[in-house]
Structures are given as structure tokens and as C-alpha cells.
Amino acid sequence: MKLQKVSAVLFDASGTLINDIYAVWKANAGTLRWLGSNETLTFQRFKEKTRTPYWKFYGFFGVPEEKAKSEAVPKFKQIYDSLIETISLMRDTESVLEQLKDREIKIAVVTHGPRQSIEDVFKKFRVMQFIDVIIGLEDCDEQKPSPKPLLTALSRLNVLPREAIYVGDMCEDIQAGRKARITTFAYCGAGGYTLEERLRKTKPNHVIHDLSELLLYL
């Protein structure tokens, strides 16, 4: 079923447009060690506990919130950036972004990662020209599941919530979209961070397994 007027599509980055789960796992594991956590972050444990905002995730491993907020991001960025060769785009990312621009639909990326790191990935794969706005960790004083990062992106695009959709792969993405009153799409394809069963419990408006499915609604 096609949606009524859509002026903008907002995307999460990690696990939605970018397949970087290995880099994010390793960056979090290294950051936790650097912050003094004694627990080894296995990949399974990372998948079970990953969430936003990041300081709540680190809290599971004994890192005080204020310590995480003041010290974690530079170390995470250093490790993540060093692993850029392990990162790829999701299947159909380039094609979908290009087709959205051909339809004159504005595109924003709303991520809990450092903006420059995400921008560097898009530049590496030569898709940055399709993206109008990136809202990263440093661009908003609240993080998903707060709706504020999404509303910040919409403000910069000059688009109303009812004219936008948001695509994400984590429960916090769908929760943020619902709070912002944006039509939500849960991405449940390969490389996503969250099991489909968990995502469906957040009651997204639609569920897709390939990014190309999004175009069927526009």
C-alpha cells in the first residue's frame, strides 16, 4: 500500500544503511576495556545488550554514566575508524538512496554514532551526495529513543513529521519514530542489530527485510 505524500525519508545508519556490526562490537569491546570494565564483551553478549543511548549500554558492564559520557566517545571513534575496511553498505543502499533522490525526496541519516565517522563511511562508498542531513551523536543533547534527534533532522529538512518516514533496525529507532509521530519502518534484514520478534513488539507501522521494499510504499 502506497503512503500519502512523503517528502523525506530518515534512516538509521548502523545496521540499516551500513553493515558495521563487527566494527561497532569491536569498538565497544575496546572502549569498555579502556574504561575499566572487567567483563569480556562477546559478540553474543553485545547483540543481547546493545541499545541506545550508549551510556545505558555501558552501564550494563559497570561503567558509571558520567564516566561513559565524558570519556567513551573519543575512544570508540578511534577504534571504529581504524576498522573502516571491515565496513560495507547494506545491499541496495546505493540504489535506494539514488532512487529516492530521483524522486526528489529528501534524505536524512539519524545515528547514535559520531557524525564524522558515519560521514567518512558514506564518502568512502561515494553515496554522501545523496544525503541532505546527518544528525550524529554530537548534534543533539538527547539520543534515541528520544524523538529529539529525528525532530532535529526534520527541522533542518523543513519537513513535517506527517510527511516523513523513518527506517531503523533497533527498538529505540521505532520508539523514537513513534514518539515523533513519524511513520516507522522496521528493517529486519541481514546485518541488522535486532531480532525481528523484538522489533515487532515495538509496533512499527511496517516491516521490511530489504531496503528496496521501501520503494514499494512511495
N, C-alpha and C. Protein backbone atom coordinates (compact mmCIF):
# COMPACT_ATOMS: atom_id res chain seq x y z
N MET A 1 0.83 -1.20 0.00
CA MET A 1 0.00 0.00 0.00
C MET A 1 0.87 1.25 0.00
N LYS A 2 0.65 2.11 -0.99
CA LYS A 2 1.45 3.33 -1.07
C LYS A 2 1.00 4.33 -0.02
N LEU A 3 1.99 5.05 0.53
CA LEU A 3 1.70 6.05 1.53
C LEU A 3 1.32 7.35 0.86
N GLN A 4 0.62 8.21 1.61
CA GLN A 4 0.34 9.54 1.12
C GLN A 4 1.64 10.32 1.07
N LYS A 5 1.56 11.57 0.76
CA LYS A 5 2.74 12.39 0.47
C LYS A 5 3.91 12.11 1.41
N VAL A 6 5.05 11.72 0.84
CA VAL A 6 6.29 11.53 1.59
C VAL A 6 7.33 12.49 1.04
N SER A 7 7.74 13.44 1.86
CA SER A 7 8.72 14.44 1.44
C SER A 7 10.13 14.09 1.87
N ALA A 8 10.25 13.24 2.89
CA ALA A 8 11.58 12.91 3.40
C ALA A 8 11.60 11.50 3.96
N VAL A 9 12.75 10.85 3.78
CA VAL A 9 13.00 9.56 4.41
C VAL A 9 14.20 9.71 5.33
N LEU A 10 14.00 9.35 6.58
CA LEU A 10 15.07 9.36 7.58
C LEU A 10 15.52 7.92 7.81
N PHE A 11 16.81 7.71 7.87
CA PHE A 11 17.37 6.39 8.08
C PHE A 11 18.26 6.39 9.33
N ASP A 12 18.22 5.29 10.05
CA ASP A 12 19.31 4.98 10.96
C ASP A 12 20.51 4.61 10.09
N ALA A 13 21.71 4.62 10.66
CA ALA A 13 22.91 4.28 9.88
C ALA A 13 23.33 2.83 10.14
N SER A 14 23.89 2.57 11.31
CA SER A 14 24.42 1.24 11.63
C SER A 14 23.31 0.20 11.63
N GLY A 15 23.51 -0.87 10.87
CA GLY A 15 22.52 -1.94 10.82
C GLY A 15 21.35 -1.67 9.91
N THR A 16 21.33 -0.50 9.27
CA THR A 16 20.24 -0.14 8.36
C THR A 16 20.80 0.20 6.98
N LEU A 17 21.62 1.24 6.91
CA LEU A 17 22.30 1.58 5.65
C LEU A 17 23.70 0.99 5.59
N ILE A 18 24.30 0.81 6.76
CA ILE A 18 25.69 0.39 6.85
C ILE A 18 25.79 -0.94 7.59
N ASN A 19 26.53 -1.87 7.03
CA ASN A 19 26.82 -3.14 7.71
C ASN A 19 28.14 -2.98 8.46
N ASP A 20 28.02 -2.57 9.72
CA ASP A 20 29.22 -2.29 10.52
C ASP A 20 29.17 -2.97 11.88
N ILE A 21 28.40 -4.03 11.98
CA ILE A 21 28.19 -4.64 13.29
C ILE A 21 29.49 -5.15 13.90
N TYR A 22 30.41 -5.66 13.07
CA TYR A 22 31.70 -6.13 13.59
C TYR A 22 32.49 -4.96 14.16
N ALA A 23 32.55 -3.85 13.41
CA ALA A 23 33.31 -2.69 13.86
C ALA A 23 32.73 -2.10 15.14
N VAL A 24 31.40 -2.04 15.23
CA VAL A 24 30.75 -1.49 16.43
C VAL A 24 31.00 -2.40 17.63
N TRP A 25 30.91 -3.70 17.42
CA TRP A 25 31.20 -4.65 18.50
C TRP A 25 32.63 -4.46 19.01
N LYS A 26 33.59 -4.46 18.10
CA LYS A 26 34.99 -4.35 18.50
C LYS A 26 35.28 -2.99 19.14
N ALA A 27 34.66 -1.94 18.62
CA ALA A 27 34.88 -0.61 19.19
C ALA A 27 34.31 -0.52 20.60
N ASN A 28 33.15 -1.12 20.82
CA ASN A 28 32.57 -1.13 22.16
C ASN A 28 33.38 -2.00 23.11
N ALA A 29 33.84 -3.15 22.63
CA ALA A 29 34.65 -4.04 23.48
C ALA A 29 35.93 -3.33 23.92
N GLY A 30 36.60 -2.67 22.97
CA GLY A 30 37.83 -1.97 23.31
C GLY A 30 37.59 -0.79 24.22
N THR A 31 36.50 -0.08 24.01
CA THR A 31 36.17 1.07 24.85
C THR A 31 35.85 0.63 26.27
N LEU A 32 35.12 -0.46 26.41
CA LEU A 32 34.81 -0.97 27.75
C LEU A 32 36.07 -1.35 28.50
N ARG A 33 36.99 -2.02 27.82
CA ARG A 33 38.26 -2.36 28.49
C ARG A 33 38.99 -1.10 28.91
N TRP A 34 39.01 -0.12 28.03
CA TRP A 34 39.72 1.13 28.31
C TRP A 34 39.08 1.88 29.48
N LEU A 35 37.76 1.74 29.63
CA LEU A 35 37.05 2.39 30.73
C LEU A 35 37.15 1.61 32.04
N GLY A 36 37.76 0.43 31.99
CA GLY A 36 37.99 -0.32 33.22
C GLY A 36 37.05 -1.47 33.49
N SER A 37 36.17 -1.80 32.52
CA SER A 37 35.26 -2.92 32.73
C SER A 37 36.04 -4.23 32.72
N ASN A 38 35.69 -5.12 33.61
CA ASN A 38 36.37 -6.42 33.70
C ASN A 38 35.68 -7.50 32.89
N GLU A 39 34.52 -7.20 32.32
CA GLU A 39 33.76 -8.20 31.59
C GLU A 39 34.18 -8.22 30.12
N THR A 40 34.42 -9.41 29.58
CA THR A 40 34.72 -9.55 28.17
C THR A 40 33.42 -9.45 27.37
N LEU A 41 33.39 -8.56 26.39
CA LEU A 41 32.19 -8.36 25.59
C LEU A 41 32.22 -9.32 24.40
N THR A 42 31.59 -10.48 24.57
CA THR A 42 31.47 -11.41 23.46
C THR A 42 30.47 -10.85 22.44
N PHE A 43 30.51 -11.37 21.22
CA PHE A 43 29.59 -10.89 20.21
C PHE A 43 28.15 -11.18 20.62
N GLN A 44 27.90 -12.34 21.19
CA GLN A 44 26.54 -12.68 21.62
C GLN A 44 26.06 -11.73 22.70
N ARG A 45 26.93 -11.44 23.65
CA ARG A 45 26.56 -10.52 24.74
C ARG A 45 26.30 -9.12 24.18
N PHE A 46 27.10 -8.71 23.22
CA PHE A 46 26.90 -7.42 22.57
C PHE A 46 25.53 -7.36 21.90
N LYS A 47 25.17 -8.40 21.16
CA LYS A 47 23.88 -8.43 20.47
C LYS A 47 22.72 -8.40 21.47
N GLU A 48 22.89 -9.08 22.60
CA GLU A 48 21.83 -9.15 23.60
C GLU A 48 21.61 -7.80 24.28
N LYS A 49 22.68 -7.08 24.54
CA LYS A 49 22.60 -5.88 25.38
C LYS A 49 22.67 -4.57 24.65
N THR A 50 23.04 -4.58 23.37
CA THR A 50 23.22 -3.30 22.68
C THR A 50 21.94 -2.49 22.65
N ARG A 51 22.06 -1.21 22.91
CA ARG A 51 20.93 -0.30 22.94
C ARG A 51 21.43 1.13 22.97
N THR A 52 20.54 2.07 22.80
CA THR A 52 20.89 3.47 22.93
C THR A 52 20.04 4.08 24.04
N PRO A 53 20.52 5.16 24.68
CA PRO A 53 21.81 5.81 24.47
C PRO A 53 22.96 4.94 24.96
N TYR A 54 24.14 5.22 24.45
CA TYR A 54 25.30 4.35 24.69
C TYR A 54 25.66 4.24 26.16
N TRP A 55 25.42 5.28 26.95
CA TRP A 55 25.82 5.22 28.36
C TRP A 55 24.99 4.21 29.14
N LYS A 56 23.76 3.95 28.68
CA LYS A 56 22.98 2.90 29.33
C LYS A 56 23.54 1.53 28.98
N PHE A 57 23.99 1.37 27.75
CA PHE A 57 24.65 0.13 27.35
C PHE A 57 25.89 -0.12 28.19
N TYR A 58 26.73 0.89 28.34
CA TYR A 58 27.95 0.73 29.14
C TYR A 58 27.62 0.49 30.61
N GLY A 59 26.48 0.99 31.06
CA GLY A 59 26.08 0.77 32.44
C GLY A 59 25.88 -0.69 32.77
N PHE A 60 25.49 -1.51 31.77
CA PHE A 60 25.35 -2.95 32.00
C PHE A 60 26.67 -3.58 32.43
N PHE A 61 27.77 -2.95 32.08
CA PHE A 61 29.08 -3.52 32.33
C PHE A 61 29.85 -2.75 33.41
N GLY A 62 29.09 -2.04 34.24
CA GLY A 62 29.68 -1.42 35.42
C GLY A 62 30.31 -0.06 35.21
N VAL A 63 30.12 0.55 34.06
CA VAL A 63 30.70 1.87 33.80
C VAL A 63 29.71 2.94 34.24
N PRO A 64 30.07 3.82 35.18
CA PRO A 64 29.16 4.87 35.62
C PRO A 64 28.76 5.78 34.46
N GLU A 65 27.55 6.28 34.49
CA GLU A 65 27.02 7.09 33.40
C GLU A 65 27.90 8.30 33.10
N GLU A 66 28.31 9.03 34.12
CA GLU A 66 29.10 10.24 33.89
C GLU A 66 30.47 9.91 33.28
N LYS A 67 31.06 8.79 33.70
CA LYS A 67 32.34 8.38 33.13
C LYS A 67 32.18 8.02 31.66
N ALA A 68 31.10 7.31 31.35
CA ALA A 68 30.84 6.95 29.95
C ALA A 68 30.63 8.20 29.11
N LYS A 69 29.82 9.13 29.61
CA LYS A 69 29.52 10.34 28.84
C LYS A 69 30.77 11.19 28.61
N SER A 70 31.66 11.22 29.57
CA SER A 70 32.82 12.11 29.46
C SER A 70 34.02 11.49 28.75
N GLU A 71 34.07 10.15 28.69
CA GLU A 71 35.30 9.52 28.19
C GLU A 71 35.12 8.54 27.04
N ALA A 72 33.93 8.01 26.84
CA ALA A 72 33.78 6.88 25.92
C ALA A 72 33.90 7.24 24.45
N VAL A 73 33.30 8.35 24.03
CA VAL A 73 33.14 8.62 22.60
C VAL A 73 34.46 8.73 21.84
N PRO A 74 35.47 9.48 22.32
CA PRO A 74 36.71 9.57 21.54
C PRO A 74 37.39 8.21 21.35
N LYS A 75 37.36 7.38 22.39
CA LYS A 75 37.98 6.06 22.26
C LYS A 75 37.20 5.19 21.30
N PHE A 76 35.88 5.20 21.40
CA PHE A 76 35.05 4.43 20.47
C PHE A 76 35.33 4.86 19.03
N LYS A 77 35.37 6.17 18.79
CA LYS A 77 35.60 6.68 17.44
C LYS A 77 36.96 6.24 16.91
N GLN A 78 37.97 6.29 17.78
CA GLN A 78 39.32 5.88 17.35
C GLN A 78 39.34 4.44 16.86
N ILE A 79 38.71 3.55 17.63
CA ILE A 79 38.72 2.13 17.25
C ILE A 79 37.83 1.90 16.03
N TYR A 80 36.65 2.48 16.03
CA TYR A 80 35.72 2.32 14.91
C TYR A 80 36.37 2.78 13.60
N ASP A 81 36.99 3.95 13.63
CA ASP A 81 37.62 4.48 12.42
C ASP A 81 38.74 3.58 11.92
N SER A 82 39.43 2.90 12.84
CA SER A 82 40.53 2.02 12.44
C SER A 82 40.03 0.75 11.76
N LEU A 83 38.73 0.48 11.89
CA LEU A 83 38.14 -0.73 11.33
C LEU A 83 37.28 -0.45 10.10
N ILE A 84 37.47 0.70 9.47
CA ILE A 84 36.61 1.09 8.36
C ILE A 84 36.67 0.10 7.21
N GLU A 85 37.79 -0.63 7.08
CA GLU A 85 37.90 -1.60 5.99
C GLU A 85 36.99 -2.81 6.19
N THR A 86 36.47 -2.99 7.39
CA THR A 86 35.56 -4.11 7.65
C THR A 86 34.11 -3.73 7.40
N ILE A 87 33.86 -2.47 7.08
CA ILE A 87 32.51 -1.94 6.95
C ILE A 87 32.08 -1.95 5.48
N SER A 88 30.83 -2.26 5.25
CA SER A 88 30.27 -2.22 3.90
C SER A 88 28.89 -1.58 3.93
N LEU A 89 28.38 -1.23 2.78
CA LEU A 89 27.00 -0.78 2.70
C LEU A 89 26.08 -2.00 2.70
N MET A 90 24.86 -1.81 3.21
CA MET A 90 23.86 -2.84 3.09
C MET A 90 23.51 -3.03 1.62
N ARG A 91 23.03 -4.22 1.29
CA ARG A 91 22.57 -4.46 -0.07
C ARG A 91 21.48 -3.45 -0.42
N ASP A 92 21.57 -2.87 -1.58
CA ASP A 92 20.59 -1.92 -2.12
C ASP A 92 20.69 -0.52 -1.53
N THR A 93 21.62 -0.25 -0.62
CA THR A 93 21.72 1.10 -0.05
C THR A 93 21.91 2.14 -1.14
N GLU A 94 22.92 1.95 -1.98
CA GLU A 94 23.20 2.96 -3.01
C GLU A 94 22.02 3.13 -3.96
N SER A 95 21.46 2.02 -4.39
CA SER A 95 20.35 2.08 -5.34
C SER A 95 19.14 2.78 -4.74
N VAL A 96 18.80 2.48 -3.50
CA VAL A 96 17.64 3.09 -2.85
C VAL A 96 17.85 4.58 -2.65
N LEU A 97 19.02 4.97 -2.18
CA LEU A 97 19.30 6.39 -1.98
C LEU A 97 19.22 7.15 -3.31
N GLU A 98 19.76 6.56 -4.35
CA GLU A 98 19.74 7.21 -5.66
C GLU A 98 18.31 7.36 -6.18
N GLN A 99 17.51 6.33 -6.01
CA GLN A 99 16.12 6.39 -6.49
C GLN A 99 15.28 7.39 -5.69
N LEU A 100 15.55 7.49 -4.40
CA LEU A 100 14.84 8.49 -3.59
C LEU A 100 15.17 9.90 -4.08
N LYS A 101 16.44 10.15 -4.38
CA LYS A 101 16.82 11.48 -4.87
C LYS A 101 16.22 11.75 -6.23
N ASP A 102 16.13 10.71 -7.07
CA ASP A 102 15.50 10.88 -8.38
C ASP A 102 14.04 11.29 -8.24
N ARG A 103 13.40 10.87 -7.14
CA ARG A 103 12.01 11.22 -6.89
C ARG A 103 11.88 12.53 -6.10
N GLU A 104 13.03 13.20 -5.90
CA GLU A 104 13.09 14.48 -5.19
C GLU A 104 12.62 14.36 -3.75
N ILE A 105 12.92 13.23 -3.14
CA ILE A 105 12.64 13.01 -1.72
C ILE A 105 13.90 13.33 -0.91
N LYS A 106 13.75 14.13 0.12
CA LYS A 106 14.89 14.50 0.96
C LYS A 106 15.31 13.31 1.81
N ILE A 107 16.61 13.25 2.11
CA ILE A 107 17.17 12.12 2.85
C ILE A 107 17.98 12.63 4.04
N ALA A 108 17.70 12.06 5.20
CA ALA A 108 18.50 12.35 6.40
C ALA A 108 18.93 11.03 7.04
N VAL A 109 20.06 11.07 7.70
CA VAL A 109 20.55 9.95 8.49
C VAL A 109 20.59 10.40 9.94
N VAL A 110 19.95 9.63 10.79
CA VAL A 110 19.91 9.95 12.23
C VAL A 110 20.54 8.79 12.97
N THR A 111 21.70 9.03 13.53
CA THR A 111 22.50 7.95 14.11
C THR A 111 22.95 8.29 15.52
N HIS A 112 23.19 7.25 16.33
CA HIS A 112 23.76 7.47 17.66
C HIS A 112 25.27 7.41 17.61
N GLY A 113 25.85 7.24 16.42
CA GLY A 113 27.30 7.22 16.26
C GLY A 113 27.87 8.61 16.04
N PRO A 114 29.19 8.76 16.14
CA PRO A 114 29.83 10.06 15.84
C PRO A 114 29.59 10.42 14.37
N ARG A 115 29.14 11.65 14.13
CA ARG A 115 28.76 12.05 12.78
C ARG A 115 29.91 11.90 11.78
N GLN A 116 31.11 12.34 12.16
CA GLN A 116 32.22 12.31 11.20
C GLN A 116 32.57 10.89 10.79
N SER A 117 32.48 9.94 11.72
CA SER A 117 32.78 8.55 11.39
C SER A 117 31.78 8.01 10.37
N ILE A 118 30.50 8.31 10.57
CA ILE A 118 29.47 7.85 9.64
C ILE A 118 29.63 8.54 8.29
N GLU A 119 29.92 9.83 8.32
CA GLU A 119 30.12 10.56 7.07
C GLU A 119 31.30 9.99 6.29
N ASP A 120 32.37 9.62 6.99
CA ASP A 120 33.54 9.04 6.32
C ASP A 120 33.18 7.74 5.60
N VAL A 121 32.31 6.94 6.22
CA VAL A 121 31.87 5.70 5.57
C VAL A 121 31.11 6.01 4.29
N PHE A 122 30.18 6.96 4.36
CA PHE A 122 29.40 7.31 3.17
C PHE A 122 30.29 7.88 2.07
N LYS A 123 31.28 8.67 2.46
CA LYS A 123 32.20 9.22 1.46
C LYS A 123 33.03 8.11 0.82
N LYS A 124 33.44 7.14 1.61
CA LYS A 124 34.23 6.03 1.08
C LYS A 124 33.46 5.31 -0.03
N PHE A 125 32.16 5.12 0.17
CA PHE A 125 31.35 4.39 -0.80
C PHE A 125 30.63 5.32 -1.79
N ARG A 126 30.97 6.60 -1.76
CA ARG A 126 30.51 7.58 -2.74
C ARG A 126 28.98 7.70 -2.78
N VAL A 127 28.38 7.73 -1.61
CA VAL A 127 26.93 7.95 -1.53
C VAL A 127 26.57 9.21 -0.74
N MET A 128 27.60 9.94 -0.30
CA MET A 128 27.33 11.13 0.51
C MET A 128 26.51 12.17 -0.27
N GLN A 129 26.64 12.17 -1.59
CA GLN A 129 25.94 13.17 -2.39
C GLN A 129 24.43 13.00 -2.37
N PHE A 130 23.95 11.84 -1.92
CA PHE A 130 22.52 11.61 -1.86
C PHE A 130 21.90 12.09 -0.54
N ILE A 131 22.74 12.37 0.44
CA ILE A 131 22.26 12.63 1.80
C ILE A 131 22.25 14.12 2.08
N ASP A 132 21.10 14.63 2.52
CA ASP A 132 20.96 16.06 2.78
C ASP A 132 21.42 16.45 4.18
N VAL A 133 21.16 15.59 5.15
CA VAL A 133 21.45 15.93 6.56
C VAL A 133 21.91 14.67 7.29
N ILE A 134 22.92 14.82 8.14
CA ILE A 134 23.28 13.76 9.08
C ILE A 134 23.19 14.33 10.49
N ILE A 135 22.42 13.69 11.33
CA ILE A 135 22.35 14.05 12.75
C ILE A 135 23.08 12.94 13.52
N GLY A 136 24.23 13.29 14.06
CA GLY A 136 25.02 12.33 14.81
C GLY A 136 24.95 12.58 16.30
N LEU A 137 25.74 11.81 17.02
CA LEU A 137 25.75 11.86 18.48
C LEU A 137 25.95 13.27 19.00
N GLU A 138 26.83 14.02 18.35
CA GLU A 138 27.20 15.34 18.86
C GLU A 138 26.22 16.44 18.45
N ASP A 139 25.22 16.12 17.66
CA ASP A 139 24.32 17.14 17.12
C ASP A 139 23.05 17.32 17.91
N CYS A 140 22.86 16.54 18.96
CA CYS A 140 21.62 16.62 19.74
C CYS A 140 21.92 16.26 21.19
N ASP A 141 21.28 16.96 22.12
CA ASP A 141 21.56 16.70 23.54
C ASP A 141 20.75 15.53 24.09
N GLU A 142 19.93 14.90 23.25
CA GLU A 142 19.21 13.69 23.63
C GLU A 142 19.45 12.64 22.55
N GLN A 143 19.31 11.38 22.93
CA GLN A 143 19.54 10.29 21.99
C GLN A 143 18.29 9.40 21.92
N LYS A 144 18.17 8.68 20.80
CA LYS A 144 17.08 7.71 20.70
C LYS A 144 17.11 6.77 21.90
N PRO A 145 15.95 6.45 22.50
CA PRO A 145 14.59 6.53 21.96
C PRO A 145 13.89 7.88 22.09
N SER A 146 14.61 8.92 22.53
CA SER A 146 14.01 10.25 22.48
C SER A 146 13.71 10.60 21.02
N PRO A 147 12.61 11.30 20.77
CA PRO A 147 12.32 11.72 19.40
C PRO A 147 13.14 12.92 18.94
N LYS A 148 13.86 13.53 19.85
CA LYS A 148 14.51 14.81 19.53
C LYS A 148 15.48 14.73 18.35
N PRO A 149 16.33 13.69 18.23
CA PRO A 149 17.21 13.64 17.05
C PRO A 149 16.44 13.61 15.73
N LEU A 150 15.31 12.89 15.69
CA LEU A 150 14.51 12.84 14.48
C LEU A 150 13.87 14.20 14.20
N LEU A 151 13.36 14.84 15.22
CA LEU A 151 12.74 16.14 15.04
C LEU A 151 13.77 17.20 14.64
N THR A 152 15.00 17.05 15.13
CA THR A 152 16.09 17.95 14.71
C THR A 152 16.36 17.79 13.23
N ALA A 153 16.39 16.55 12.76
CA ALA A 153 16.60 16.30 11.33
C ALA A 153 15.47 16.89 10.50
N LEU A 154 14.24 16.70 10.93
CA LEU A 154 13.09 17.23 10.19
C LEU A 154 13.11 18.76 10.14
N SER A 155 13.53 19.37 11.24
CA SER A 155 13.63 20.83 11.27
C SER A 155 14.63 21.32 10.23
N ARG A 156 15.76 20.63 10.13
CA ARG A 156 16.79 21.04 9.16
C ARG A 156 16.34 20.79 7.73
N LEU A 157 15.50 19.79 7.54
CA LEU A 157 14.98 19.50 6.20
C LEU A 157 13.77 20.36 5.86
N ASN A 158 13.19 21.01 6.89
CA ASN A 158 11.95 21.79 6.73
C ASN A 158 10.81 20.90 6.27
N VAL A 159 10.65 19.77 6.95
CA VAL A 159 9.63 18.78 6.64
C VAL A 159 8.84 18.47 7.90
N LEU A 160 7.53 18.32 7.78
CA LEU A 160 6.68 17.98 8.91
C LEU A 160 6.74 16.48 9.19
N PRO A 161 6.53 16.07 10.45
CA PRO A 161 6.55 14.63 10.77
C PRO A 161 5.60 13.80 9.93
N ARG A 162 4.43 14.32 9.63
CA ARG A 162 3.44 13.54 8.87
C ARG A 162 3.87 13.31 7.42
N GLU A 163 4.89 14.03 6.97
CA GLU A 163 5.37 13.90 5.60
C GLU A 163 6.66 13.08 5.53
N ALA A 164 7.02 12.44 6.64
CA ALA A 164 8.30 11.72 6.70
C ALA A 164 8.10 10.27 7.12
N ILE A 165 9.08 9.46 6.81
CA ILE A 165 9.14 8.10 7.34
C ILE A 165 10.53 7.88 7.91
N TYR A 166 10.62 6.95 8.86
CA TYR A 166 11.91 6.64 9.49
C TYR A 166 12.15 5.14 9.43
N VAL A 167 13.34 4.76 8.99
CA VAL A 167 13.71 3.36 8.83
C VAL A 167 14.86 3.04 9.80
N GLY A 168 14.65 2.03 10.65
CA GLY A 168 15.69 1.67 11.61
C GLY A 168 15.61 0.20 11.98
N ASP A 169 16.68 -0.28 12.59
CA ASP A 169 16.79 -1.71 12.89
C ASP A 169 16.80 -2.02 14.37
N MET A 170 16.63 -1.01 15.22
CA MET A 170 16.64 -1.24 16.66
C MET A 170 15.32 -0.79 17.27
N CYS A 171 15.01 -1.35 18.43
CA CYS A 171 13.77 -0.99 19.12
C CYS A 171 13.72 0.51 19.40
N GLU A 172 14.87 1.07 19.77
CA GLU A 172 14.91 2.50 20.06
C GLU A 172 14.59 3.36 18.84
N ASP A 173 14.93 2.86 17.64
CA ASP A 173 14.58 3.58 16.42
C ASP A 173 13.06 3.69 16.27
N ILE A 174 12.39 2.55 16.44
CA ILE A 174 10.93 2.55 16.28
C ILE A 174 10.27 3.36 17.39
N GLN A 175 10.76 3.25 18.60
CA GLN A 175 10.21 4.03 19.71
C GLN A 175 10.36 5.52 19.46
N ALA A 176 11.52 5.93 18.96
CA ALA A 176 11.76 7.35 18.67
C ALA A 176 10.84 7.83 17.56
N GLY A 177 10.68 7.01 16.53
CA GLY A 177 9.80 7.38 15.43
C GLY A 177 8.36 7.53 15.86
N ARG A 178 7.89 6.61 16.70
CA ARG A 178 6.51 6.68 17.18
C ARG A 178 6.30 7.94 18.02
N LYS A 179 7.27 8.26 18.87
CA LYS A 179 7.15 9.46 19.71
C LYS A 179 7.15 10.73 18.86
N ALA A 180 7.89 10.69 17.75
CA ALA A 180 7.95 11.85 16.85
C ALA A 180 6.75 11.91 15.91
N ARG A 181 5.90 10.87 15.95
CA ARG A 181 4.72 10.77 15.09
C ARG A 181 5.11 10.69 13.62
N ILE A 182 6.16 9.92 13.38
CA ILE A 182 6.64 9.64 12.03
C ILE A 182 6.27 8.19 11.70
N THR A 183 5.89 7.92 10.47
CA THR A 183 5.63 6.55 10.05
C THR A 183 6.91 5.74 10.14
N THR A 184 6.87 4.59 10.80
CA THR A 184 8.08 3.83 11.08
C THR A 184 8.17 2.55 10.26
N PHE A 185 9.37 2.26 9.81
CA PHE A 185 9.69 1.02 9.11
C PHE A 185 10.78 0.30 9.89
N ALA A 186 10.49 -0.91 10.32
CA ALA A 186 11.50 -1.73 10.99
C ALA A 186 12.26 -2.53 9.94
N TYR A 187 13.57 -2.33 9.88
CA TYR A 187 14.40 -3.09 8.94
C TYR A 187 14.86 -4.36 9.66
N CYS A 188 14.48 -5.52 9.11
CA CYS A 188 14.78 -6.81 9.73
C CYS A 188 15.63 -7.68 8.81
N GLY A 189 16.46 -7.07 8.00
CA GLY A 189 17.29 -7.81 7.07
C GLY A 189 18.63 -8.20 7.66
N ALA A 190 19.45 -8.82 6.82
CA ALA A 190 20.79 -9.24 7.23
C ALA A 190 21.61 -8.02 7.64
N GLY A 191 22.38 -8.17 8.72
CA GLY A 191 23.21 -7.07 9.21
C GLY A 191 22.54 -6.18 10.23
N GLY A 192 21.23 -6.38 10.45
CA GLY A 192 20.55 -5.60 11.48
C GLY A 192 20.95 -6.05 12.87
N TYR A 193 20.68 -5.20 13.84
CA TYR A 193 21.13 -5.46 15.21
C TYR A 193 20.10 -6.18 16.07
N THR A 194 18.84 -6.23 15.62
CA THR A 194 17.76 -6.69 16.50
C THR A 194 16.94 -7.78 15.82
N LEU A 195 16.58 -8.80 16.59
CA LEU A 195 15.74 -9.86 16.07
C LEU A 195 14.35 -9.30 15.69
N GLU A 196 13.80 -9.84 14.63
CA GLU A 196 12.50 -9.36 14.15
C GLU A 196 11.43 -9.47 15.23
N GLU A 197 11.46 -10.54 16.01
CA GLU A 197 10.46 -10.72 17.06
C GLU A 197 10.46 -9.55 18.04
N ARG A 198 11.65 -9.10 18.43
CA ARG A 198 11.75 -7.96 19.34
C ARG A 198 11.28 -6.68 18.68
N LEU A 199 11.65 -6.48 17.43
CA LEU A 199 11.27 -5.26 16.73
C LEU A 199 9.76 -5.16 16.57
N ARG A 200 9.12 -6.28 16.26
CA ARG A 200 7.67 -6.26 16.06
C ARG A 200 6.93 -5.86 17.34
N LYS A 201 7.50 -6.15 18.49
CA LYS A 201 6.86 -5.79 19.75
C LYS A 201 6.80 -4.29 19.96
N THR A 202 7.63 -3.53 19.24
CA THR A 202 7.59 -2.07 19.35
C THR A 202 6.53 -1.46 18.45
N LYS A 203 5.84 -2.31 17.69
CA LYS A 203 4.71 -1.90 16.85
C LYS A 203 5.08 -0.89 15.76
N PRO A 204 6.04 -1.25 14.91
CA PRO A 204 6.32 -0.38 13.77
C PRO A 204 5.13 -0.37 12.81
N ASN A 205 5.03 0.67 12.00
CA ASN A 205 3.95 0.72 11.01
C ASN A 205 4.15 -0.33 9.92
N HIS A 206 5.40 -0.60 9.58
CA HIS A 206 5.70 -1.56 8.52
C HIS A 206 6.99 -2.29 8.87
N VAL A 207 7.14 -3.48 8.31
CA VAL A 207 8.36 -4.28 8.48
C VAL A 207 8.90 -4.61 7.10
N ILE A 208 10.19 -4.39 6.88
CA ILE A 208 10.82 -4.74 5.61
C ILE A 208 12.06 -5.58 5.87
N HIS A 209 12.41 -6.40 4.88
CA HIS A 209 13.57 -7.27 5.01
C HIS A 209 14.67 -6.91 4.01
N ASP A 210 14.35 -6.06 3.06
CA ASP A 210 15.32 -5.49 2.12
C ASP A 210 15.00 -4.02 1.97
N LEU A 211 16.03 -3.20 1.84
CA LEU A 211 15.80 -1.77 1.71
C LEU A 211 14.98 -1.45 0.47
N SER A 212 15.13 -2.25 -0.57
CA SER A 212 14.40 -1.98 -1.81
C SER A 212 12.88 -2.08 -1.61
N GLU A 213 12.43 -2.82 -0.59
CA GLU A 213 10.99 -2.92 -0.32
C GLU A 213 10.40 -1.54 0.02
N LEU A 214 11.22 -0.67 0.55
CA LEU A 214 10.75 0.66 0.94
C LEU A 214 10.13 1.39 -0.25
N LEU A 215 10.71 1.21 -1.42
CA LEU A 215 10.26 1.93 -2.61
C LEU A 215 8.84 1.55 -3.01
N LEU A 216 8.38 0.38 -2.62
CA LEU A 216 7.04 -0.06 -2.96
C LEU A 216 5.97 0.76 -2.25
N TYR A 217 6.36 1.45 -1.18
CA TYR A 217 5.40 2.23 -0.39
C TYR A 217 5.36 3.68 -0.83
N LEU A 218 6.23 4.09 -1.75
CA LEU A 218 6.35 5.50 -2.10
C LEU A 218 5.76 5.79 -3.47
